N, C-alpha and C. Protein backbone atom coordinates (compact mmCIF):
# COMPACT_ATOMS: atom_id res chain seq x y z
N UNK A 1 0.29 20.57 -22.85
CA UNK A 1 1.36 19.61 -22.63
C UNK A 1 0.90 18.21 -22.99
N UNK A 2 1.85 17.38 -23.46
CA UNK A 2 1.50 16.02 -23.84
C UNK A 2 0.92 15.24 -22.68
N UNK A 3 1.44 15.50 -21.47
CA UNK A 3 0.99 14.73 -20.31
C UNK A 3 -0.50 14.89 -20.04
N UNK A 4 -1.10 16.01 -20.45
CA UNK A 4 -2.51 16.19 -20.18
C UNK A 4 -3.35 15.21 -20.98
N UNK A 5 -2.78 14.62 -22.04
CA UNK A 5 -3.51 13.64 -22.82
C UNK A 5 -3.43 12.25 -22.16
N UNK A 6 -2.59 12.10 -21.14
CA UNK A 6 -2.43 10.81 -20.47
C UNK A 6 -3.47 10.70 -19.36
N UNK A 7 -4.36 9.69 -19.44
CA UNK A 7 -5.35 9.53 -18.35
C UNK A 7 -4.64 9.28 -17.03
N UNK A 8 -5.29 9.68 -15.94
CA UNK A 8 -4.69 9.45 -14.64
C UNK A 8 -4.60 7.94 -14.40
N UNK A 9 -3.59 7.58 -13.62
CA UNK A 9 -3.33 6.17 -13.31
C UNK A 9 -3.58 5.97 -11.82
N UNK A 10 -4.54 5.10 -11.44
CA UNK A 10 -4.83 4.90 -10.01
C UNK A 10 -3.61 4.48 -9.21
N UNK A 11 -2.69 3.71 -9.81
CA UNK A 11 -1.50 3.28 -9.08
C UNK A 11 -0.59 4.47 -8.78
N UNK A 12 -0.45 5.39 -9.75
CA UNK A 12 0.38 6.58 -9.51
C UNK A 12 -0.28 7.49 -8.48
N UNK A 13 -1.60 7.60 -8.53
CA UNK A 13 -2.31 8.43 -7.56
C UNK A 13 -2.14 7.85 -6.15
N UNK A 14 -2.19 6.54 -6.02
CA UNK A 14 -1.98 5.90 -4.71
C UNK A 14 -0.56 6.15 -4.21
N UNK A 15 0.41 6.05 -5.13
CA UNK A 15 1.81 6.31 -4.74
C UNK A 15 1.97 7.75 -4.26
N UNK A 16 1.30 8.67 -4.94
CA UNK A 16 1.35 10.08 -4.55
C UNK A 16 0.71 10.27 -3.18
N UNK A 17 -0.40 9.59 -2.94
CA UNK A 17 -1.09 9.68 -1.65
C UNK A 17 -0.19 9.17 -0.52
N UNK A 18 0.46 8.04 -0.73
CA UNK A 18 1.34 7.49 0.30
C UNK A 18 2.50 8.42 0.58
N UNK A 19 3.06 9.02 -0.49
CA UNK A 19 4.19 9.93 -0.29
C UNK A 19 3.77 11.18 0.48
N UNK A 20 2.64 11.79 0.10
CA UNK A 20 2.21 13.00 0.81
C UNK A 20 1.89 12.70 2.27
N UNK A 21 1.35 11.51 2.55
CA UNK A 21 1.08 11.15 3.94
C UNK A 21 2.38 11.02 4.72
N UNK A 22 3.41 10.46 4.08
CA UNK A 22 4.69 10.29 4.76
C UNK A 22 5.36 11.64 5.04
N UNK A 23 5.37 12.53 4.05
CA UNK A 23 6.04 13.81 4.27
C UNK A 23 5.24 14.69 5.23
N UNK A 24 3.92 14.55 5.22
CA UNK A 24 3.12 15.31 6.19
C UNK A 24 3.42 14.84 7.61
N UNK A 25 3.54 13.52 7.79
CA UNK A 25 3.86 12.99 9.11
C UNK A 25 5.24 13.46 9.57
N UNK A 26 6.21 13.50 8.67
CA UNK A 26 7.53 14.00 9.02
C UNK A 26 7.47 15.48 9.38
N UNK A 27 6.70 16.25 8.59
CA UNK A 27 6.56 17.68 8.88
C UNK A 27 5.90 17.95 10.21
N UNK A 28 5.02 17.04 10.62
CA UNK A 28 4.32 17.22 11.89
C UNK A 28 5.22 16.98 13.10
N UNK A 29 6.45 16.52 12.86
CA UNK A 29 7.36 16.28 13.98
C UNK A 29 7.81 17.57 14.64
N UNK A 30 7.62 18.71 13.96
CA UNK A 30 7.94 19.98 14.59
C UNK A 30 8.77 20.89 13.72
N UNK A 31 9.13 22.06 14.25
CA UNK A 31 9.85 23.07 13.47
C UNK A 31 11.19 22.60 12.93
N UNK A 32 11.83 21.63 13.60
CA UNK A 32 13.14 21.15 13.14
C UNK A 32 13.01 19.86 12.34
N UNK A 33 11.83 19.60 11.79
CA UNK A 33 11.63 18.37 11.03
C UNK A 33 12.48 18.33 9.76
N UNK A 34 13.06 19.48 9.38
CA UNK A 34 13.92 19.48 8.19
C UNK A 34 15.18 18.65 8.40
N UNK A 35 15.46 18.26 9.64
CA UNK A 35 16.62 17.40 9.90
C UNK A 35 16.32 15.95 9.56
N UNK A 36 15.06 15.61 9.32
CA UNK A 36 14.68 14.24 8.97
C UNK A 36 15.01 13.97 7.49
N UNK A 37 15.08 12.69 7.15
CA UNK A 37 15.28 12.31 5.75
C UNK A 37 13.91 12.22 5.08
N UNK A 38 13.66 13.13 4.15
CA UNK A 38 12.40 13.12 3.42
C UNK A 38 12.56 12.30 2.13
N UNK A 39 11.68 11.35 1.91
CA UNK A 39 11.80 10.52 0.70
C UNK A 39 11.49 11.33 -0.56
N UNK A 40 12.06 10.90 -1.66
CA UNK A 40 11.79 11.56 -2.94
C UNK A 40 10.35 11.27 -3.37
N UNK A 41 9.72 12.19 -4.07
CA UNK A 41 8.36 11.95 -4.56
C UNK A 41 8.36 10.86 -5.62
N UNK A 42 7.22 10.20 -5.82
CA UNK A 42 7.17 9.15 -6.84
C UNK A 42 7.43 9.72 -8.23
N UNK A 43 8.11 8.94 -9.05
CA UNK A 43 8.45 9.39 -10.41
C UNK A 43 7.31 9.13 -11.37
N UNK A 44 7.28 9.91 -12.44
CA UNK A 44 6.34 9.67 -13.53
C UNK A 44 4.91 10.11 -13.28
N UNK A 45 4.68 10.88 -12.21
CA UNK A 45 3.32 11.36 -11.92
C UNK A 45 2.95 12.44 -12.94
N UNK A 46 1.81 12.30 -13.57
CA UNK A 46 1.39 13.23 -14.63
C UNK A 46 0.50 14.33 -14.07
N UNK A 47 0.33 15.42 -14.82
CA UNK A 47 -0.60 16.46 -14.37
C UNK A 47 -2.00 15.93 -14.06
N UNK A 48 -2.47 14.97 -14.85
CA UNK A 48 -3.80 14.42 -14.58
C UNK A 48 -3.83 13.62 -13.28
N UNK A 49 -2.71 13.00 -12.93
CA UNK A 49 -2.64 12.31 -11.64
C UNK A 49 -2.74 13.30 -10.49
N UNK A 50 -2.00 14.40 -10.61
CA UNK A 50 -2.06 15.44 -9.57
C UNK A 50 -3.48 16.01 -9.47
N UNK A 51 -4.10 16.24 -10.61
CA UNK A 51 -5.45 16.80 -10.59
C UNK A 51 -6.44 15.82 -9.97
N UNK A 52 -6.32 14.55 -10.30
CA UNK A 52 -7.20 13.53 -9.73
C UNK A 52 -7.02 13.45 -8.22
N UNK A 53 -5.78 13.61 -7.75
CA UNK A 53 -5.51 13.55 -6.32
C UNK A 53 -6.13 14.73 -5.58
N UNK A 54 -6.24 15.88 -6.25
CA UNK A 54 -6.82 17.05 -5.60
C UNK A 54 -5.99 18.31 -5.67
N UNK A 55 -4.86 18.26 -6.37
CA UNK A 55 -4.03 19.45 -6.52
C UNK A 55 -4.78 20.52 -7.30
N UNK A 56 -4.56 21.78 -6.91
CA UNK A 56 -5.07 22.89 -7.69
C UNK A 56 -4.02 23.32 -8.71
N UNK A 57 -4.49 23.89 -9.81
CA UNK A 57 -3.58 24.36 -10.86
C UNK A 57 -3.72 25.86 -11.02
N UNK A 58 -2.62 26.59 -10.79
CA UNK A 58 -2.61 28.03 -11.02
C UNK A 58 -2.55 28.30 -12.51
N UNK A 59 -1.81 27.48 -13.24
CA UNK A 59 -1.75 27.49 -14.70
C UNK A 59 -1.31 26.09 -15.12
N UNK A 60 -1.25 25.78 -16.42
CA UNK A 60 -0.90 24.41 -16.83
C UNK A 60 0.47 23.94 -16.36
N UNK A 61 1.33 24.85 -15.92
CA UNK A 61 2.68 24.47 -15.53
C UNK A 61 2.94 24.60 -14.03
N UNK A 62 1.92 24.92 -13.23
CA UNK A 62 2.13 25.11 -11.79
C UNK A 62 0.94 24.57 -11.01
N UNK A 63 1.20 23.55 -10.17
CA UNK A 63 0.17 22.96 -9.32
C UNK A 63 0.57 23.11 -7.86
N UNK A 64 -0.43 23.03 -6.95
CA UNK A 64 -0.15 23.20 -5.53
C UNK A 64 -1.10 22.35 -4.69
N UNK A 65 -0.67 22.07 -3.47
CA UNK A 65 -1.50 21.38 -2.49
C UNK A 65 -1.02 21.78 -1.11
N UNK A 66 -1.92 21.76 -0.12
CA UNK A 66 -1.58 22.26 1.21
C UNK A 66 -1.41 21.16 2.26
N UNK A 67 -1.17 19.91 1.85
CA UNK A 67 -0.89 18.82 2.79
C UNK A 67 -1.95 18.73 3.90
N UNK A 68 -3.19 18.96 3.55
CA UNK A 68 -4.31 18.89 4.49
C UNK A 68 -4.07 19.76 5.72
N UNK A 69 -3.44 20.88 5.50
CA UNK A 69 -3.08 21.80 6.58
C UNK A 69 -4.06 22.98 6.57
N UNK A 70 -4.95 23.08 7.57
CA UNK A 70 -5.94 24.16 7.56
C UNK A 70 -5.32 25.56 7.59
N UNK A 71 -4.12 25.69 8.15
CA UNK A 71 -3.47 27.00 8.18
C UNK A 71 -2.70 27.29 6.89
N UNK A 72 -2.62 26.29 6.01
CA UNK A 72 -1.96 26.42 4.71
C UNK A 72 -0.50 26.86 4.84
N UNK A 73 0.16 26.31 5.86
CA UNK A 73 1.58 26.60 6.07
C UNK A 73 2.46 25.52 5.45
N UNK A 74 1.92 24.31 5.31
CA UNK A 74 2.68 23.20 4.74
C UNK A 74 2.23 23.04 3.28
N UNK A 75 3.13 23.33 2.38
CA UNK A 75 2.73 23.41 0.98
C UNK A 75 3.60 22.55 0.08
N UNK A 76 3.00 22.11 -1.01
CA UNK A 76 3.68 21.44 -2.11
C UNK A 76 3.42 22.24 -3.38
N UNK A 77 4.48 22.53 -4.12
CA UNK A 77 4.35 23.14 -5.43
C UNK A 77 4.98 22.20 -6.46
N UNK A 78 4.30 21.99 -7.56
CA UNK A 78 4.82 21.19 -8.66
C UNK A 78 4.97 22.12 -9.86
N UNK A 79 6.19 22.22 -10.40
CA UNK A 79 6.47 23.12 -11.51
C UNK A 79 6.90 22.26 -12.70
N UNK A 80 6.08 22.26 -13.74
CA UNK A 80 6.35 21.45 -14.93
C UNK A 80 7.20 22.23 -15.92
N UNK A 81 8.13 21.53 -16.57
CA UNK A 81 8.98 22.15 -17.58
C UNK A 81 8.15 22.54 -18.80
N UNK A 82 8.71 23.35 -19.72
CA UNK A 82 7.93 23.80 -20.89
C UNK A 82 7.29 22.66 -21.69
N UNK A 83 8.01 21.55 -21.87
CA UNK A 83 7.45 20.42 -22.62
C UNK A 83 6.55 19.56 -21.74
N UNK A 84 6.66 19.74 -20.42
CA UNK A 84 5.91 18.92 -19.49
C UNK A 84 6.57 17.60 -19.16
N UNK A 85 7.75 17.33 -19.72
CA UNK A 85 8.41 16.05 -19.51
C UNK A 85 9.21 15.99 -18.21
N UNK A 86 9.45 17.14 -17.57
CA UNK A 86 10.16 17.17 -16.29
C UNK A 86 9.35 17.98 -15.30
N UNK A 87 9.60 17.72 -14.03
CA UNK A 87 8.87 18.46 -13.00
C UNK A 87 9.73 18.66 -11.77
N UNK A 88 9.61 19.84 -11.18
CA UNK A 88 10.25 20.15 -9.91
C UNK A 88 9.19 20.09 -8.82
N UNK A 89 9.52 19.44 -7.73
CA UNK A 89 8.62 19.33 -6.57
C UNK A 89 9.26 20.09 -5.43
N UNK A 90 8.57 21.10 -4.92
CA UNK A 90 9.09 21.91 -3.81
C UNK A 90 8.20 21.71 -2.59
N UNK A 91 8.82 21.38 -1.47
CA UNK A 91 8.08 21.03 -0.26
C UNK A 91 8.48 21.92 0.90
N UNK A 92 7.49 22.53 1.53
CA UNK A 92 7.67 23.25 2.80
C UNK A 92 6.77 22.53 3.80
N UNK A 93 7.37 21.59 4.55
CA UNK A 93 6.56 20.64 5.32
C UNK A 93 6.20 21.12 6.71
N UNK A 94 6.66 22.30 7.12
CA UNK A 94 6.27 22.86 8.41
C UNK A 94 6.30 24.37 8.30
N UNK A 95 5.34 25.02 8.92
CA UNK A 95 5.24 26.47 8.80
C UNK A 95 6.43 27.23 9.33
N UNK A 96 7.21 26.60 10.24
CA UNK A 96 8.37 27.27 10.81
C UNK A 96 9.65 27.06 10.00
N UNK A 97 9.56 26.26 8.94
CA UNK A 97 10.71 26.15 8.06
C UNK A 97 10.94 27.51 7.40
N UNK A 98 12.21 27.87 7.21
CA UNK A 98 12.51 29.12 6.50
C UNK A 98 12.27 28.97 5.01
N UNK A 99 12.69 27.86 4.44
CA UNK A 99 12.55 27.64 3.00
C UNK A 99 12.00 26.28 2.69
N UNK A 100 12.38 25.74 1.53
CA UNK A 100 11.79 24.50 1.03
C UNK A 100 12.86 23.51 0.61
N UNK A 101 12.44 22.25 0.54
CA UNK A 101 13.24 21.20 -0.10
C UNK A 101 12.79 21.08 -1.55
N UNK A 102 13.66 20.51 -2.40
CA UNK A 102 13.29 20.41 -3.81
C UNK A 102 13.84 19.12 -4.42
N UNK A 103 13.01 18.50 -5.26
CA UNK A 103 13.41 17.37 -6.09
C UNK A 103 13.06 17.70 -7.54
N UNK A 104 13.87 17.21 -8.46
CA UNK A 104 13.57 17.35 -9.88
C UNK A 104 13.63 15.96 -10.50
N UNK A 105 12.50 15.54 -11.06
CA UNK A 105 12.39 14.19 -11.65
C UNK A 105 12.86 13.11 -10.68
N UNK A 106 12.51 13.29 -9.41
CA UNK A 106 12.82 12.29 -8.40
C UNK A 106 14.20 12.40 -7.79
N UNK A 107 15.03 13.34 -8.27
CA UNK A 107 16.38 13.52 -7.74
C UNK A 107 16.40 14.71 -6.79
N UNK A 108 16.91 14.50 -5.59
CA UNK A 108 16.96 15.59 -4.62
C UNK A 108 18.00 16.63 -5.04
N UNK A 109 17.62 17.88 -5.00
CA UNK A 109 18.53 18.98 -5.31
C UNK A 109 19.21 19.40 -4.01
N UNK A 110 20.54 19.49 -3.98
CA UNK A 110 21.24 19.91 -2.76
C UNK A 110 21.08 21.42 -2.53
N UNK A 111 20.02 21.78 -1.83
CA UNK A 111 19.73 23.20 -1.63
C UNK A 111 20.58 23.76 -0.50
N UNK A 112 20.91 25.05 -0.53
CA UNK A 112 21.63 25.67 0.59
C UNK A 112 20.82 25.55 1.88
N UNK A 113 21.53 25.40 2.99
CA UNK A 113 20.87 25.27 4.29
C UNK A 113 21.57 26.13 5.32
N UNK A 114 20.80 26.50 6.33
CA UNK A 114 21.37 27.21 7.47
C UNK A 114 22.19 26.22 8.31
N UNK A 115 22.89 26.73 9.31
CA UNK A 115 23.73 25.87 10.14
C UNK A 115 22.95 24.76 10.82
N UNK A 116 21.68 25.04 11.12
CA UNK A 116 20.87 24.03 11.79
C UNK A 116 20.17 23.09 10.81
N UNK A 117 20.42 23.27 9.51
CA UNK A 117 19.83 22.40 8.50
C UNK A 117 18.61 22.96 7.81
N UNK A 118 18.13 24.10 8.24
CA UNK A 118 16.94 24.72 7.67
C UNK A 118 17.18 25.04 6.19
N UNK A 119 16.32 24.55 5.27
CA UNK A 119 16.52 24.84 3.84
C UNK A 119 16.30 26.32 3.55
N UNK A 120 17.03 26.84 2.55
CA UNK A 120 17.05 28.28 2.31
C UNK A 120 16.70 28.66 0.88
N UNK A 121 15.84 27.86 0.21
CA UNK A 121 15.37 28.28 -1.11
C UNK A 121 13.89 28.62 -1.05
N UNK A 122 13.45 29.38 -2.05
CA UNK A 122 12.06 29.79 -2.17
C UNK A 122 11.18 28.56 -2.38
N UNK A 123 9.86 28.73 -2.27
CA UNK A 123 8.95 27.61 -2.48
C UNK A 123 8.45 27.54 -3.92
N UNK A 124 9.04 28.33 -4.81
CA UNK A 124 8.72 28.29 -6.24
C UNK A 124 10.02 28.22 -7.04
N UNK A 125 9.92 27.75 -8.27
CA UNK A 125 11.06 27.70 -9.18
C UNK A 125 10.55 27.98 -10.58
N UNK A 126 11.49 28.30 -11.48
CA UNK A 126 11.13 28.69 -12.84
C UNK A 126 12.02 27.95 -13.83
N UNK A 127 11.40 27.22 -14.75
CA UNK A 127 12.17 26.56 -15.80
C UNK A 127 12.57 27.60 -16.85
N UNK A 128 13.84 27.58 -17.26
CA UNK A 128 14.33 28.45 -18.33
C UNK A 128 14.41 27.70 -19.65
N UNK A 129 14.27 26.39 -19.58
CA UNK A 129 14.19 25.50 -20.73
C UNK A 129 13.83 24.15 -20.16
N UNK A 130 13.83 23.10 -20.99
CA UNK A 130 13.59 21.77 -20.44
C UNK A 130 14.78 21.25 -19.65
N UNK A 131 15.91 21.96 -19.74
CA UNK A 131 17.12 21.51 -19.05
C UNK A 131 17.41 22.30 -17.78
N UNK A 132 17.18 23.60 -17.79
CA UNK A 132 17.64 24.47 -16.69
C UNK A 132 16.46 24.99 -15.87
N UNK A 133 16.67 25.00 -14.56
CA UNK A 133 15.67 25.46 -13.59
C UNK A 133 16.33 26.46 -12.65
N UNK A 134 15.59 27.51 -12.31
CA UNK A 134 16.12 28.56 -11.44
C UNK A 134 15.20 28.75 -10.24
N UNK A 135 15.78 28.94 -9.06
CA UNK A 135 15.01 29.35 -7.89
C UNK A 135 15.85 30.33 -7.08
N UNK A 136 15.20 31.01 -6.14
CA UNK A 136 15.89 32.03 -5.35
C UNK A 136 16.39 31.45 -4.03
N UNK A 137 17.52 31.97 -3.58
CA UNK A 137 18.17 31.53 -2.34
C UNK A 137 18.12 32.68 -1.34
N UNK A 138 17.78 32.36 -0.09
CA UNK A 138 17.76 33.38 0.96
C UNK A 138 18.75 33.05 2.07
N UNK A 139 18.50 33.63 3.23
CA UNK A 139 19.37 33.39 4.37
C UNK A 139 20.62 34.23 4.39
N UNK A 140 20.66 35.28 3.56
CA UNK A 140 21.87 36.13 3.49
C UNK A 140 21.76 37.29 4.47
N UNK A 141 21.56 36.94 5.74
CA UNK A 141 21.28 37.96 6.75
C UNK A 141 22.48 38.84 7.07
N UNK A 142 23.69 38.39 6.74
CA UNK A 142 24.89 39.18 7.02
C UNK A 142 25.30 40.08 5.86
N UNK A 143 24.54 40.07 4.79
CA UNK A 143 24.87 40.91 3.64
C UNK A 143 24.73 42.39 4.03
N UNK A 144 25.63 43.26 3.56
CA UNK A 144 25.56 44.69 3.94
C UNK A 144 24.23 45.35 3.62
N UNK A 145 23.53 44.89 2.58
CA UNK A 145 22.26 45.51 2.22
C UNK A 145 21.05 44.83 2.86
N UNK A 146 21.29 43.81 3.67
CA UNK A 146 20.17 43.15 4.34
C UNK A 146 19.47 44.13 5.28
N UNK A 147 18.16 44.10 5.26
CA UNK A 147 17.36 45.01 6.09
C UNK A 147 16.68 44.20 7.19
N UNK A 148 17.18 44.24 8.42
CA UNK A 148 16.61 43.41 9.49
C UNK A 148 15.15 43.72 9.77
N UNK A 149 14.69 44.91 9.43
CA UNK A 149 13.29 45.26 9.68
C UNK A 149 12.35 44.47 8.76
N UNK A 150 12.89 43.92 7.68
CA UNK A 150 12.05 43.17 6.74
C UNK A 150 12.10 41.67 6.98
N UNK A 151 12.93 41.21 7.92
CA UNK A 151 13.06 39.78 8.16
C UNK A 151 11.75 39.15 8.61
N UNK A 152 10.99 39.86 9.40
CA UNK A 152 9.77 39.27 9.95
C UNK A 152 8.78 38.94 8.84
N UNK A 153 8.67 39.81 7.86
CA UNK A 153 7.73 39.59 6.76
C UNK A 153 8.33 38.68 5.70
N UNK A 154 9.66 38.62 5.63
CA UNK A 154 10.34 37.81 4.61
C UNK A 154 11.26 36.82 5.31
N UNK A 155 10.78 35.62 5.59
CA UNK A 155 11.60 34.66 6.33
C UNK A 155 12.96 34.37 5.68
N UNK A 156 13.03 34.45 4.36
CA UNK A 156 14.30 34.19 3.67
C UNK A 156 15.19 35.43 3.59
N UNK A 157 14.69 36.55 4.07
CA UNK A 157 15.50 37.76 4.07
C UNK A 157 15.22 38.65 2.87
N UNK A 158 15.77 39.85 2.93
CA UNK A 158 15.54 40.88 1.92
C UNK A 158 16.45 40.70 0.71
N UNK A 159 17.67 40.20 0.95
CA UNK A 159 18.65 40.00 -0.12
C UNK A 159 18.64 38.53 -0.52
N UNK A 160 18.66 38.28 -1.84
CA UNK A 160 18.56 36.91 -2.34
C UNK A 160 19.70 36.57 -3.30
N UNK A 161 19.98 35.29 -3.38
CA UNK A 161 20.86 34.75 -4.40
C UNK A 161 20.04 33.91 -5.36
N UNK A 162 20.73 33.16 -6.21
CA UNK A 162 20.07 32.34 -7.23
C UNK A 162 20.69 30.95 -7.25
N UNK A 163 19.84 29.93 -7.35
CA UNK A 163 20.30 28.56 -7.56
C UNK A 163 19.91 28.15 -8.97
N UNK A 164 20.89 27.64 -9.72
CA UNK A 164 20.66 27.15 -11.09
C UNK A 164 20.84 25.63 -11.08
N UNK A 165 19.79 24.91 -11.49
CA UNK A 165 19.84 23.45 -11.56
C UNK A 165 19.94 23.03 -13.02
N UNK A 166 20.98 22.25 -13.34
CA UNK A 166 21.17 21.68 -14.67
C UNK A 166 20.61 20.26 -14.62
N UNK A 167 19.45 20.05 -15.23
CA UNK A 167 18.77 18.77 -15.11
C UNK A 167 19.41 17.70 -15.98
N UNK A 168 20.24 18.09 -16.94
CA UNK A 168 20.95 17.11 -17.75
C UNK A 168 22.12 16.54 -16.97
N UNK A 169 22.92 17.43 -16.36
CA UNK A 169 24.08 16.99 -15.58
C UNK A 169 23.72 16.70 -14.13
N UNK A 170 22.51 17.10 -13.72
CA UNK A 170 22.07 16.96 -12.33
C UNK A 170 23.06 17.62 -11.38
N UNK A 171 23.32 18.88 -11.70
CA UNK A 171 24.24 19.68 -10.92
C UNK A 171 23.58 21.00 -10.54
N UNK A 172 23.90 21.48 -9.35
CA UNK A 172 23.38 22.76 -8.87
C UNK A 172 24.53 23.75 -8.71
N UNK A 173 24.28 25.00 -9.10
CA UNK A 173 25.22 26.09 -8.86
C UNK A 173 24.48 27.20 -8.13
N UNK A 174 25.15 27.79 -7.16
CA UNK A 174 24.56 28.89 -6.40
C UNK A 174 25.36 30.16 -6.69
N UNK A 175 24.66 31.24 -7.00
CA UNK A 175 25.28 32.54 -7.26
C UNK A 175 24.75 33.53 -6.23
N UNK A 176 25.67 34.18 -5.52
CA UNK A 176 25.29 35.11 -4.46
C UNK A 176 25.76 36.52 -4.81
N UNK A 177 25.02 37.53 -4.35
CA UNK A 177 25.43 38.92 -4.63
C UNK A 177 26.70 39.30 -3.88
N UNK A 178 27.52 40.12 -4.52
CA UNK A 178 28.68 40.68 -3.84
C UNK A 178 28.23 41.68 -2.78
N UNK A 179 29.10 42.07 -1.86
CA UNK A 179 28.71 43.06 -0.84
C UNK A 179 28.20 44.37 -1.43
N UNK A 180 28.57 44.67 -2.68
CA UNK A 180 28.12 45.91 -3.32
C UNK A 180 26.87 45.73 -4.17
N UNK A 181 26.33 44.51 -4.23
CA UNK A 181 25.18 44.21 -5.08
C UNK A 181 23.94 43.93 -4.23
N UNK A 182 22.86 44.64 -4.50
CA UNK A 182 21.62 44.48 -3.75
C UNK A 182 20.62 43.69 -4.60
N UNK A 183 20.73 42.37 -4.55
CA UNK A 183 19.79 41.53 -5.29
C UNK A 183 18.56 41.28 -4.41
N UNK A 184 17.50 42.01 -4.66
CA UNK A 184 16.28 41.84 -3.86
C UNK A 184 15.25 40.96 -4.56
N UNK A 185 15.31 40.89 -5.87
CA UNK A 185 14.40 40.05 -6.65
C UNK A 185 15.15 39.57 -7.89
N UNK A 186 16.23 38.78 -7.70
CA UNK A 186 17.10 38.45 -8.82
C UNK A 186 16.41 37.63 -9.90
N UNK A 187 16.77 37.95 -11.14
CA UNK A 187 16.25 37.23 -12.30
C UNK A 187 17.44 36.70 -13.09
N UNK A 188 17.42 35.41 -13.37
CA UNK A 188 18.50 34.77 -14.11
C UNK A 188 17.94 34.29 -15.44
N UNK A 189 18.42 34.89 -16.53
CA UNK A 189 17.89 34.61 -17.86
C UNK A 189 19.02 34.29 -18.81
N UNK A 190 18.75 33.41 -19.75
CA UNK A 190 19.76 33.06 -20.75
C UNK A 190 19.63 33.98 -21.95
N UNK A 191 20.77 34.49 -22.38
CA UNK A 191 20.84 35.30 -23.60
C UNK A 191 22.00 34.77 -24.42
N UNK A 192 21.68 34.04 -25.48
CA UNK A 192 22.72 33.42 -26.28
C UNK A 192 23.47 32.37 -25.50
N UNK A 193 24.78 32.52 -25.40
CA UNK A 193 25.63 31.56 -24.70
C UNK A 193 25.94 31.98 -23.27
N UNK A 194 25.18 32.92 -22.73
CA UNK A 194 25.47 33.44 -21.38
C UNK A 194 24.21 33.52 -20.54
N UNK A 195 24.41 33.36 -19.24
CA UNK A 195 23.38 33.66 -18.25
C UNK A 195 23.59 35.08 -17.75
N UNK A 196 22.50 35.82 -17.67
CA UNK A 196 22.55 37.19 -17.15
C UNK A 196 21.73 37.23 -15.86
N UNK A 197 22.33 37.75 -14.80
CA UNK A 197 21.63 37.89 -13.52
C UNK A 197 21.37 39.37 -13.28
N UNK A 198 20.08 39.69 -13.08
CA UNK A 198 19.65 41.06 -12.82
C UNK A 198 19.20 41.18 -11.37
N UNK A 199 19.50 42.30 -10.75
CA UNK A 199 19.21 42.48 -9.33
C UNK A 199 17.71 42.47 -9.03
N UNK A 200 16.93 43.01 -9.95
CA UNK A 200 15.49 43.10 -9.74
C UNK A 200 14.82 43.39 -11.08
N UNK A 201 13.51 43.62 -11.05
CA UNK A 201 12.76 43.85 -12.28
C UNK A 201 13.20 45.11 -12.99
N UNK A 202 13.49 46.18 -12.24
CA UNK A 202 13.94 47.42 -12.87
C UNK A 202 15.27 47.23 -13.59
N UNK A 203 16.19 46.51 -12.97
CA UNK A 203 17.48 46.26 -13.60
C UNK A 203 17.30 45.46 -14.88
N UNK A 204 16.36 44.52 -14.86
CA UNK A 204 16.09 43.73 -16.07
C UNK A 204 15.54 44.62 -17.19
N UNK A 205 14.58 45.48 -16.85
CA UNK A 205 13.99 46.36 -17.87
C UNK A 205 15.03 47.32 -18.45
N UNK A 206 16.02 47.67 -17.64
CA UNK A 206 17.07 48.59 -18.09
C UNK A 206 18.27 47.85 -18.70
N UNK A 207 18.14 46.52 -18.85
CA UNK A 207 19.21 45.69 -19.44
C UNK A 207 20.52 45.86 -18.67
N UNK A 208 20.41 45.94 -17.34
CA UNK A 208 21.58 46.19 -16.49
C UNK A 208 21.86 44.95 -15.64
N UNK A 209 22.68 44.04 -16.20
CA UNK A 209 22.99 42.80 -15.52
C UNK A 209 24.16 42.98 -14.55
N UNK A 210 24.05 42.41 -13.37
CA UNK A 210 25.16 42.45 -12.42
C UNK A 210 26.16 41.32 -12.68
N UNK A 211 25.71 40.27 -13.33
CA UNK A 211 26.60 39.13 -13.53
C UNK A 211 26.31 38.52 -14.89
N UNK A 212 27.35 38.17 -15.64
CA UNK A 212 27.23 37.47 -16.92
C UNK A 212 28.09 36.22 -16.82
N UNK A 213 27.45 35.05 -17.02
CA UNK A 213 28.11 33.76 -16.79
C UNK A 213 27.97 32.89 -18.02
N UNK A 214 29.04 32.32 -18.53
CA UNK A 214 28.92 31.42 -19.69
C UNK A 214 28.03 30.22 -19.37
N UNK A 215 27.26 29.79 -20.35
CA UNK A 215 26.43 28.60 -20.19
C UNK A 215 27.31 27.38 -20.35
N UNK A 216 27.27 26.49 -19.38
CA UNK A 216 28.05 25.26 -19.43
C UNK A 216 27.29 24.23 -20.25
N UNK A 217 27.86 23.82 -21.35
CA UNK A 217 27.21 22.82 -22.22
C UNK A 217 27.67 21.41 -21.89
């Protein structure tokens, strides 16, 4: 990525440090800290800035940090777009949160929430291009295929939906399975002028899409 050629900037690293300290302090307020207003992460932070700060890199497009949490329950994931020019920041600031908050290029994404405000998206996201980002949505406990025996191991539930973020229009769309659709590991992929949603990996391998949606240009 081009950003890796950019030397780290001490001012950006300091801004990142101040932001992580603020969100960690908010997360420490307790299990319902998701009701607080979390500030957006600083803009323009490069991969080298994250690396200088101490983030680990799983690959060139995915970085993580544990907010100085010895139990590793409070996590930050940074997901860089294919060109590296955009980034999604996903925050799970307390271990009792069900899901995560998300910002893209400093703009907060309106993620689905439970009645008490608990965020209901996964702590990872996947860029489908430099414009579109996909993450999984949980909390569908009333779905006919939901398995209550799996709730303990899967805080977001067994059945999932999909959130599609359009970074050009800065709009989010949520797609949920019908009562007859068991989306346990949904995959949303673009094929030509359409988005195809597959219930799981097997459905994808068999080219069996449950939903076909026109791409909004």
